[in-house]
Amino acid sequence: MTGWPEGYRRRLLDEVDSTLNEAARIAPTLAGPEWILARHQTAARGRRGRDWVSPEGNFAATLVLRLQDGAQQAALRSFVAALALFDACVAVTGRPESFSLKWPNDVLLNGGKLAGILLESAGQGGAGPLPLFIGIGVNLAEAPPADLVEARALRPVSLAGETGVQVAPEEFLTELAAAFARYEAKFATLGFAPIREAWLARAARLGQPVTARTGTSETQGTFETVDAEGQLVLMTPSGRVRIPAADVFF
């Protein structure tokens, strides 16, 4: 197919419980990376086990990778996926100025949440490859109701609603897969440094105050950078703080 990256396979499903679940089921049978796209999910989920609402026409897919470079490097694929999502959105709209990336794993459109990324693993590594599942949801056609998101979260937006551009999930997948393959090749060859630099160039609220919230604490500070391990770095009144995982609020 035109534009599809060499070495990646794809699987199109009319309906599935979730593409992440399907990834876990088929991973042992796969010889290489494979994208799973579902037109409808009956049990989609987001970060921290939250429900993910995906109306008809929206994008729901998971990429299955088998990696040799360990759990820490696997986690950095969220930045690879975010850059690929950014490029795919620009490719179908022609509007690079409208999109930005929110740490750790969201894509924003006109300041609202357009897309999310969720990484899951089938194991902790060891002697063999680490099966990594990169789940991606994009509001192509419709955004979920604002009352379904948690307090202080960004408003959900859709690509069609904000830009008027209508794109089929299959078409979007082709753009996304091609972009991911480019960034993954760069990551494999040059490491995280150029990925980090490209991500920071597209980062939302860089140099501005943000709040990072975990299940047990909340840290307020100026978003200074993302470090070489992918951690959020905030400058607070008590000094520089590095945060490995959190929800960020503006």
C-alpha atoms as a PDB file:
ATOM      1  CA  MET A   1       0.000   0.000   0.000  1.00  0.00           C
ATOM      2  CA  THR A   2       1.213   3.510  -0.806  1.00  0.00           C
ATOM      3  CA  GLY A   3       3.058   5.167   2.071  1.00  0.00           C
ATOM      4  CA  TRP A   4       3.045   2.135   4.348  1.00  0.00           C
ATOM      5  CA  PRO A   5       6.427   1.612   6.066  1.00  0.00           C
ATOM      6  CA  GLU A   6       8.475  -1.434   5.192  1.00  0.00           C
ATOM      7  CA  GLY A   7       8.715  -4.083   7.903  1.00  0.00           C
ATOM      8  CA  TYR A   8       5.473  -3.143   9.677  1.00  0.00           C
ATOM      9  CA  ARG A   9       2.274  -5.148   9.354  1.00  0.00           C
ATOM     10  CA  ARG A  10      -1.269  -4.014  10.026  1.00  0.00           C
ATOM     11  CA  ARG A  11      -4.439  -5.717  11.234  1.00  0.00           C
ATOM     12  CA  LEU A  12      -7.871  -4.078  10.741  1.00  0.00           C
ATOM     13  CA  LEU A  13     -10.731  -5.141  13.012  1.00  0.00           C
ATOM     14  CA  ASP A  14     -14.379  -4.120  12.889  1.00  0.00           C
ATOM     15  CA  GLU A  15     -14.814  -4.623  16.636  1.00  0.00           C
ATOM     16  CA  VAL A  16     -12.701  -5.706  19.607  1.00  0.00           C
ATOM     17  CA  ASP A  17     -12.776  -5.282  23.376  1.00  0.00           C
ATOM     18  CA  SER A  18      -9.652  -3.113  23.135  1.00  0.00           C
ATOM     19  CA  THR A  19      -6.712  -2.990  20.783  1.00  0.00           C
ATOM     20  CA  LEU A  20      -4.407  -3.224  23.813  1.00  0.00           C
ATOM     21  CA  ASN A  21      -6.054  -6.489  24.838  1.00  0.00           C
ATOM     22  CA  GLU A  22      -5.784  -7.787  21.289  1.00  0.00           C
ATOM     23  CA  ALA A  23      -2.111  -6.837  21.248  1.00  0.00           C
ATOM     24  CA  ALA A  24      -1.489  -8.940  24.357  1.00  0.00           C
ATOM     25  CA  ARG A  25      -3.303 -11.885  22.807  1.00  0.00           C
ATOM     26  CA  ILE A  26      -1.441 -11.907  19.495  1.00  0.00           C
ATOM     27  CA  ALA A  27       2.025 -10.724  20.610  1.00  0.00           C
ATOM     28  CA  PRO A  28       3.446 -14.247  21.077  1.00  0.00           C
ATOM     29  CA  THR A  29       2.595 -15.086  17.447  1.00  0.00           C
ATOM     30  CA  LEU A  30       4.190 -12.024  15.834  1.00  0.00           C
ATOM     31  CA  ALA A  31       7.580 -12.027  14.161  1.00  0.00           C
ATOM     32  CA  GLY A  32       7.774  -8.235  13.775  1.00  0.00           C
ATOM     33  CA  PRO A  33       5.990  -4.956  14.575  1.00  0.00           C
ATOM     34  CA  GLU A  34       2.283  -4.843  13.834  1.00  0.00           C
ATOM     35  CA  TRP A  35      -0.392  -2.151  14.036  1.00  0.00           C
ATOM     36  CA  ILE A  36      -3.874  -3.156  15.213  1.00  0.00           C
ATOM     37  CA  LEU A  37      -6.683  -0.774  14.222  1.00  0.00           C
ATOM     38  CA  ALA A  38     -10.259  -1.224  15.452  1.00  0.00           C
ATOM     39  CA  ARG A  39     -13.290   0.587  14.113  1.00  0.00           C
ATOM     40  CA  HIS A  40     -15.084  -0.016  17.405  1.00  0.00           C
ATOM     41  CA  GLN A  41     -13.879  -0.909  20.923  1.00  0.00           C
ATOM     42  CA  THR A  42     -16.184  -2.231  23.619  1.00  0.00           C
ATOM     43  CA  ALA A  43     -13.782  -1.892  26.578  1.00  0.00           C
ATOM     44  CA  ALA A  44     -11.241   0.801  25.731  1.00  0.00           C
ATOM     45  CA  ARG A  45      -9.091   2.214  28.515  1.00  0.00           C
ATOM     46  CA  GLY A  46      -6.733   5.082  29.134  1.00  0.00           C
ATOM     47  CA  ARG A  47      -4.022   5.849  31.665  1.00  0.00           C
ATOM     48  CA  ARG A  48      -4.407   4.558  35.250  1.00  0.00           C
ATOM     49  CA  GLY A  49      -7.266   2.282  34.147  1.00  0.00           C
ATOM     50  CA  ARG A  50      -9.592   5.135  33.186  1.00  0.00           C
ATOM     51  CA  ASP A  51     -12.265   4.518  30.583  1.00  0.00           C
ATOM     52  CA  TRP A  52     -11.491   5.868  27.114  1.00  0.00           C
ATOM     53  CA  VAL A  53     -14.550   6.992  25.160  1.00  0.00           C
ATOM     54  CA  SER A  54     -14.159   6.435  21.417  1.00  0.00           C
ATOM     55  CA  PRO A  55     -17.176   7.390  19.284  1.00  0.00           C
ATOM     56  CA  GLU A  56     -17.543   6.047  15.752  1.00  0.00           C
ATOM     57  CA  GLY A  57     -15.068   7.579  13.311  1.00  0.00           C
ATOM     58  CA  ASN A  58     -12.391   8.156  15.933  1.00  0.00           C
ATOM     59  CA  PHE A  59      -8.992   6.468  15.855  1.00  0.00           C
ATOM     60  CA  ALA A  60      -8.140   3.538  18.129  1.00  0.00           C
ATOM     61  CA  ALA A  61      -4.991   1.531  17.465  1.00  0.00           C
ATOM     62  CA  THR A  62      -2.139  -0.265  19.175  1.00  0.00           C
ATOM     63  CA  LEU A  63       1.346  -0.940  17.880  1.00  0.00           C
ATOM     64  CA  VAL A  64       3.027  -4.145  19.030  1.00  0.00           C
ATOM     65  CA  LEU A  65       6.829  -3.936  19.257  1.00  0.00           C
ATOM     66  CA  ARG A  66       9.321  -6.521  20.451  1.00  0.00           C
ATOM     67  CA  LEU A  67      12.294  -4.672  21.875  1.00  0.00           C
ATOM     68  CA  GLN A  68      15.747  -5.772  22.940  1.00  0.00           C
ATOM     69  CA  ASP A  69      16.795  -2.591  24.750  1.00  0.00           C
ATOM     70  CA  GLY A  70      15.119  -2.885  28.161  1.00  0.00           C
ATOM     71  CA  ALA A  71      12.235  -1.323  30.058  1.00  0.00           C
ATOM     72  CA  GLN A  72      13.731   2.176  30.442  1.00  0.00           C
ATOM     73  CA  GLN A  73      14.345   2.539  26.717  1.00  0.00           C
ATOM     74  CA  ALA A  74      10.934   1.044  25.996  1.00  0.00           C
ATOM     75  CA  ALA A  75       9.275   3.775  28.070  1.00  0.00           C
ATOM     76  CA  LEU A  76      10.923   6.448  25.908  1.00  0.00           C
ATOM     77  CA  ARG A  77       8.862   5.179  22.961  1.00  0.00           C
ATOM     78  CA  SER A  78       6.055   7.386  24.274  1.00  0.00           C
ATOM     79  CA  PHE A  79       8.070  10.345  22.952  1.00  0.00           C
ATOM     80  CA  VAL A  80       8.606   8.573  19.624  1.00  0.00           C
ATOM     81  CA  ALA A  81       4.857   7.948  19.396  1.00  0.00           C
ATOM     82  CA  ALA A  82       4.019  11.547  20.352  1.00  0.00           C
ATOM     83  CA  LEU A  83       6.246  12.931  17.595  1.00  0.00           C
ATOM     84  CA  ALA A  84       4.712  10.527  15.092  1.00  0.00           C
ATOM     85  CA  LEU A  85       1.220  11.626  16.143  1.00  0.00           C
ATOM     86  CA  PHE A  86       2.203  15.269  15.775  1.00  0.00           C
ATOM     87  CA  ASP A  87       3.511  14.656  12.253  1.00  0.00           C
ATOM     88  CA  ALA A  88       0.436  12.632  11.252  1.00  0.00           C
ATOM     89  CA  CYS A  89      -1.857  15.417  12.458  1.00  0.00           C
ATOM     90  CA  VAL A  90       0.130  17.997  10.504  1.00  0.00           C
ATOM     91  CA  ALA A  91       0.128  15.761   7.422  1.00  0.00           C
ATOM     92  CA  VAL A  92      -3.680  15.546   7.305  1.00  0.00           C
ATOM     93  CA  THR A  93      -4.341  19.189   8.231  1.00  0.00           C
ATOM     94  CA  GLY A  94      -1.344  21.235   7.077  1.00  0.00           C
ATOM     95  CA  ARG A  95      -1.466  23.191  10.358  1.00  0.00           C
ATOM     96  CA  PRO A  96       1.704  22.661  12.408  1.00  0.00           C
ATOM     97  CA  GLU A  97       1.045  25.769  14.487  1.00  0.00           C
ATOM     98  CA  SER A  98      -2.191  24.295  15.871  1.00  0.00           C
ATOM     99  CA  PHE A  99      -0.656  21.263  17.582  1.00  0.00           C
ATOM    100  CA  SER A 100       1.559  20.781  20.623  1.00  0.00           C
ATOM    101  CA  LEU A 101       2.729  17.955  22.884  1.00  0.00           C
ATOM    102  CA  LYS A 102       1.861  17.676  26.566  1.00  0.00           C
ATOM    103  CA  TRP A 103       4.068  15.632  28.885  1.00  0.00           C
ATOM    104  CA  PRO A 104       3.940  12.742  29.273  1.00  0.00           C
ATOM    105  CA  ASN A 105       1.758  11.483  26.447  1.00  0.00           C
ATOM    106  CA  ASP A 106      -0.936  13.776  25.038  1.00  0.00           C
ATOM    107  CA  VAL A 107      -1.308  15.667  21.782  1.00  0.00           C
ATOM    108  CA  LEU A 108      -3.072  19.025  21.979  1.00  0.00           C
ATOM    109  CA  LEU A 109      -4.986  20.870  19.281  1.00  0.00           C
ATOM    110  CA  ASN A 110      -5.716  24.565  19.873  1.00  0.00           C
ATOM    111  CA  GLY A 111      -4.983  23.928  23.551  1.00  0.00           C
ATOM    112  CA  GLY A 112      -7.460  21.058  23.957  1.00  0.00           C
ATOM    113  CA  LYS A 113      -6.746  17.342  24.257  1.00  0.00           C
ATOM    114  CA  LEU A 114      -6.921  15.624  20.886  1.00  0.00           C
ATOM    115  CA  ALA A 115      -5.048  12.369  21.472  1.00  0.00           C
ATOM    116  CA  GLY A 116      -3.545  10.161  24.143  1.00  0.00           C
ATOM    117  CA  ILE A 117      -0.883   7.467  24.288  1.00  0.00           C
ATOM    118  CA  LEU A 118      -0.752   4.504  26.660  1.00  0.00           C
ATOM    119  CA  LEU A 119       2.225   2.148  26.961  1.00  0.00           C
ATOM    120  CA  GLU A 120       1.839  -1.340  28.368  1.00  0.00           C
ATOM    121  CA  SER A 121       4.235  -4.269  28.554  1.00  0.00           C
ATOM    122  CA  ALA A 122       3.617  -8.001  28.587  1.00  0.00           C
ATOM    123  CA  GLY A 123       6.543  -8.607  30.948  1.00  0.00           C
ATOM    124  CA  GLN A 124       9.582  -7.190  32.684  1.00  0.00           C
ATOM    125  CA  GLY A 125      12.127  -8.144  30.076  1.00  0.00           C
ATOM    126  CA  GLY A 126      14.759 -10.799  30.745  1.00  0.00           C
ATOM    127  CA  ALA A 127      16.578 -12.956  28.252  1.00  0.00           C
ATOM    128  CA  GLY A 128      14.143 -12.402  25.385  1.00  0.00           C
ATOM    129  CA  PRO A 129      12.622  -9.349  23.682  1.00  0.00           C
ATOM    130  CA  LEU A 130      10.320  -7.090  25.710  1.00  0.00           C
ATOM    131  CA  PRO A 131       6.809  -7.032  24.187  1.00  0.00           C
ATOM    132  CA  LEU A 132       5.681  -3.394  24.217  1.00  0.00           C
ATOM    133  CA  PHE A 133       2.181  -2.236  23.327  1.00  0.00           C
ATOM    134  CA  ILE A 134       1.677   1.410  22.323  1.00  0.00           C
ATOM    135  CA  GLY A 135      -2.023   2.248  22.477  1.00  0.00           C
ATOM    136  CA  ILE A 136      -3.154   5.422  20.711  1.00  0.00           C
ATOM    137  CA  GLY A 137      -6.533   7.136  20.682  1.00  0.00           C
ATOM    138  CA  VAL A 138      -7.309  10.195  18.556  1.00  0.00           C
ATOM    139  CA  ASN A 139     -10.560  12.164  18.436  1.00  0.00           C
ATOM    140  CA  LEU A 140     -10.718  12.374  14.660  1.00  0.00           C
ATOM    141  CA  ALA A 141     -14.476  12.798  14.294  1.00  0.00           C
ATOM    142  CA  GLU A 142     -15.894  13.595  17.711  1.00  0.00           C
ATOM    143  CA  ALA A 143     -14.703  14.595  21.168  1.00  0.00           C
ATOM    144  CA  PRO A 144     -16.168  12.973  24.286  1.00  0.00           C
ATOM    145  CA  PRO A 145     -18.387  15.160  26.476  1.00  0.00           C
ATOM    146  CA  ALA A 146     -16.447  17.506  28.741  1.00  0.00           C
ATOM    147  CA  ASP A 147     -18.265  16.178  31.828  1.00  0.00           C
ATOM    148  CA  LEU A 148     -16.558  12.810  31.352  1.00  0.00           C
ATOM    149  CA  VAL A 149     -13.079  14.194  32.021  1.00  0.00           C
ATOM    150  CA  GLU A 150     -11.674  14.800  35.482  1.00  0.00           C
ATOM    151  CA  ALA A 151     -11.626  18.185  37.164  1.00  0.00           C
ATOM    152  CA  ARG A 152      -8.922  20.578  35.886  1.00  0.00           C
ATOM    153  CA  ALA A 153      -8.246  18.366  32.846  1.00  0.00           C
ATOM    154  CA  LEU A 154      -8.009  20.001  29.435  1.00  0.00           C
ATOM    155  CA  ARG A 155     -11.151  20.174  27.356  1.00  0.00           C
ATOM    156  CA  PRO A 156     -11.442  17.335  24.845  1.00  0.00           C
ATOM    157  CA  VAL A 157     -11.446  18.403  21.186  1.00  0.00           C
ATOM    158  CA  SER A 158     -11.769  16.651  17.841  1.00  0.00           C
ATOM    159  CA  LEU A 159      -9.852  17.101  14.619  1.00  0.00           C
ATOM    160  CA  ALA A 160     -13.042  17.629  12.618  1.00  0.00           C
ATOM    161  CA  GLY A 161     -14.530  20.027  15.144  1.00  0.00           C
ATOM    162  CA  GLU A 162     -11.458  22.245  15.416  1.00  0.00           C
ATOM    163  CA  THR A 163     -10.176  22.187  11.830  1.00  0.00           C
ATOM    164  CA  GLY A 164     -13.058  20.961   9.654  1.00  0.00           C
ATOM    165  CA  VAL A 165     -10.790  18.210   8.326  1.00  0.00           C
ATOM    166  CA  GLN A 166     -12.407  14.798   8.076  1.00  0.00           C
ATOM    167  CA  VAL A 167     -10.070  11.828   7.795  1.00  0.00           C
ATOM    168  CA  ALA A 168     -10.791   8.110   7.961  1.00  0.00           C
ATOM    169  CA  PRO A 169      -8.999   6.099  10.668  1.00  0.00           C
ATOM    170  CA  GLU A 170      -7.365   3.898   8.006  1.00  0.00           C
ATOM    171  CA  GLU A 171      -5.935   6.942   6.238  1.00  0.00           C
ATOM    172  CA  PHE A 172      -4.694   8.394   9.508  1.00  0.00           C
ATOM    173  CA  LEU A 173      -3.040   5.090  10.382  1.00  0.00           C
ATOM    174  CA  THR A 174      -0.984   5.177   7.198  1.00  0.00           C
ATOM    175  CA  GLU A 175       0.363   8.634   8.060  1.00  0.00           C
ATOM    176  CA  LEU A 176       0.992   7.649  11.677  1.00  0.00           C
ATOM    177  CA  ALA A 177       2.730   4.380  10.852  1.00  0.00           C
ATOM    178  CA  ALA A 178       5.041   6.065   8.354  1.00  0.00           C
ATOM    179  CA  ALA A 179       5.943   8.813  10.832  1.00  0.00           C
ATOM    180  CA  PHE A 180       6.514   6.337  13.649  1.00  0.00           C
ATOM    181  CA  ALA A 181       8.833   4.243  11.493  1.00  0.00           C
ATOM    182  CA  ARG A 182      10.924   7.351  10.710  1.00  0.00           C
ATOM    183  CA  TYR A 183      11.293   8.384  14.345  1.00  0.00           C
ATOM    184  CA  GLU A 184      11.865   4.819  15.544  1.00  0.00           C
ATOM    185  CA  ALA A 185      14.699   4.452  13.029  1.00  0.00           C
ATOM    186  CA  LYS A 186      16.216   7.690  14.344  1.00  0.00           C
ATOM    187  CA  PHE A 187      15.843   6.491  17.934  1.00  0.00           C
ATOM    188  CA  ALA A 188      17.486   3.153  17.112  1.00  0.00           C
ATOM    189  CA  THR A 189      20.392   4.856  15.324  1.00  0.00           C
ATOM    190  CA  LEU A 190      21.012   8.013  17.350  1.00  0.00           C
ATOM    191  CA  GLY A 191      19.385   7.355  20.704  1.00  0.00           C
ATOM    192  CA  PHE A 192      16.988   9.535  22.693  1.00  0.00           C
ATOM    193  CA  ALA A 193      18.831  12.859  22.335  1.00  0.00           C
ATOM    194  CA  PRO A 194      17.381  13.927  18.929  1.00  0.00           C
ATOM    195  CA  ILE A 195      13.941  12.608  19.924  1.00  0.00           C
ATOM    196  CA  ARG A 196      14.062  14.661  23.118  1.00  0.00           C
ATOM    197  CA  GLU A 197      15.148  17.779  21.199  1.00  0.00           C
ATOM    198  CA  ALA A 198      12.353  17.390  18.650  1.00  0.00           C
ATOM    199  CA  TRP A 199       9.787  16.765  21.397  1.00  0.00           C
ATOM    200  CA  LEU A 200      10.835  19.860  23.356  1.00  0.00           C
ATOM    201  CA  ALA A 201      10.508  21.966  20.197  1.00  0.00           C
ATOM    202  CA  ARG A 202       6.811  21.005  20.147  1.00  0.00           C
ATOM    203  CA  ALA A 203       6.179  21.028  23.904  1.00  0.00           C
ATOM    204  CA  ALA A 204       3.181  22.788  25.417  1.00  0.00           C
ATOM    205  CA  ARG A 205       3.802  25.226  28.307  1.00  0.00           C
ATOM    206  CA  LEU A 206       7.584  24.973  28.217  1.00  0.00           C
ATOM    207  CA  GLY A 207       8.949  27.712  30.515  1.00  0.00           C
ATOM    208  CA  GLN A 208       5.539  28.233  32.120  1.00  0.00           C
ATOM    209  CA  PRO A 209       3.970  27.192  35.446  1.00  0.00           C
ATOM    210  CA  VAL A 210       2.395  23.725  35.584  1.00  0.00           C
ATOM    211  CA  THR A 211       1.179  21.325  38.261  1.00  0.00           C
ATOM    212  CA  ALA A 212       2.295  17.688  38.337  1.00  0.00           C
ATOM    213  CA  ARG A 213      -0.009  15.439  40.319  1.00  0.00           C
ATOM    214  CA  THR A 214       0.530  11.821  41.375  1.00  0.00           C
ATOM    215  CA  GLY A 215      -1.769   9.684  43.474  1.00  0.00           C
ATOM    216  CA  THR A 216      -0.126  10.930  46.659  1.00  0.00           C
ATOM    217  CA  SER A 217       1.382  14.357  45.961  1.00  0.00           C
ATOM    218  CA  GLU A 218       1.207  17.532  43.911  1.00  0.00           C
ATOM    219  CA  THR A 219       4.159  19.612  42.705  1.00  0.00           C
ATOM    220  CA  GLN A 220       3.898  23.114  41.264  1.00  0.00           C
ATOM    221  CA  GLY A 221       6.717  24.713  39.323  1.00  0.00           C
ATOM    222  CA  THR A 222       7.989  26.059  36.053  1.00  0.00           C
ATOM    223  CA  PHE A 223       8.278  23.475  33.276  1.00  0.00           C
ATOM    224  CA  GLU A 224      12.019  23.686  32.651  1.00  0.00           C
ATOM    225  CA  THR A 225      12.733  20.696  30.410  1.00  0.00           C
ATOM    226  CA  VAL A 226      12.539  16.920  29.971  1.00  0.00           C
ATOM    227  CA  ASP A 227      15.741  15.153  30.986  1.00  0.00           C
ATOM    228  CA  ALA A 228      17.686  12.359  29.288  1.00  0.00           C
ATOM    229  CA  GLU A 229      15.502   9.743  31.011  1.00  0.00           C
ATOM    230  CA  GLY A 230      12.258  11.372  29.874  1.00  0.00           C
ATOM    231  CA  GLN A 231      11.468  12.792  33.314  1.00  0.00           C
ATOM    232  CA  LEU A 232       9.644  16.076  33.732  1.00  0.00           C
ATOM    233  CA  VAL A 233      11.919  18.724  35.248  1.00  0.00           C
ATOM    234  CA  LEU A 234      10.260  21.507  37.235  1.00  0.00           C
ATOM    235  CA  MET A 235      11.909  24.494  38.879  1.00  0.00           C
ATOM    236  CA  THR A 236      10.141  25.003  42.193  1.00  0.00           C
ATOM    237  CA  PRO A 237      10.729  27.405  45.110  1.00  0.00           C
ATOM    238  CA  SER A 238      12.642  24.534  46.764  1.00  0.00           C
ATOM    239  CA  GLY A 239      14.812  23.884  43.739  1.00  0.00           C
ATOM    240  CA  ARG A 240      14.795  21.649  40.690  1.00  0.00           C
ATOM    241  CA  VAL A 241      12.538  18.587  40.891  1.00  0.00           C
ATOM    242  CA  ARG A 242      12.550  15.594  38.521  1.00  0.00           C
ATOM    243  CA  ILE A 243       9.283  13.704  38.155  1.00  0.00           C
ATOM    244  CA  PRO A 244       9.234  10.283  36.471  1.00  0.00           C
ATOM    245  CA  ALA A 245       5.449   9.898  36.222  1.00  0.00           C
ATOM    246  CA  ALA A 246       2.490  12.189  36.904  1.00  0.00           C
ATOM    247  CA  ASP A 247      -0.559  13.866  35.430  1.00  0.00           C
ATOM    248  CA  VAL A 248       0.211  17.448  34.404  1.00  0.00           C
ATOM    249  CA  PHE A 249      -2.290  20.287  34.707  1.00  0.00           C
ATOM    250  CA  PHE A 250      -2.022  23.821  33.340  1.00  0.00           C
END
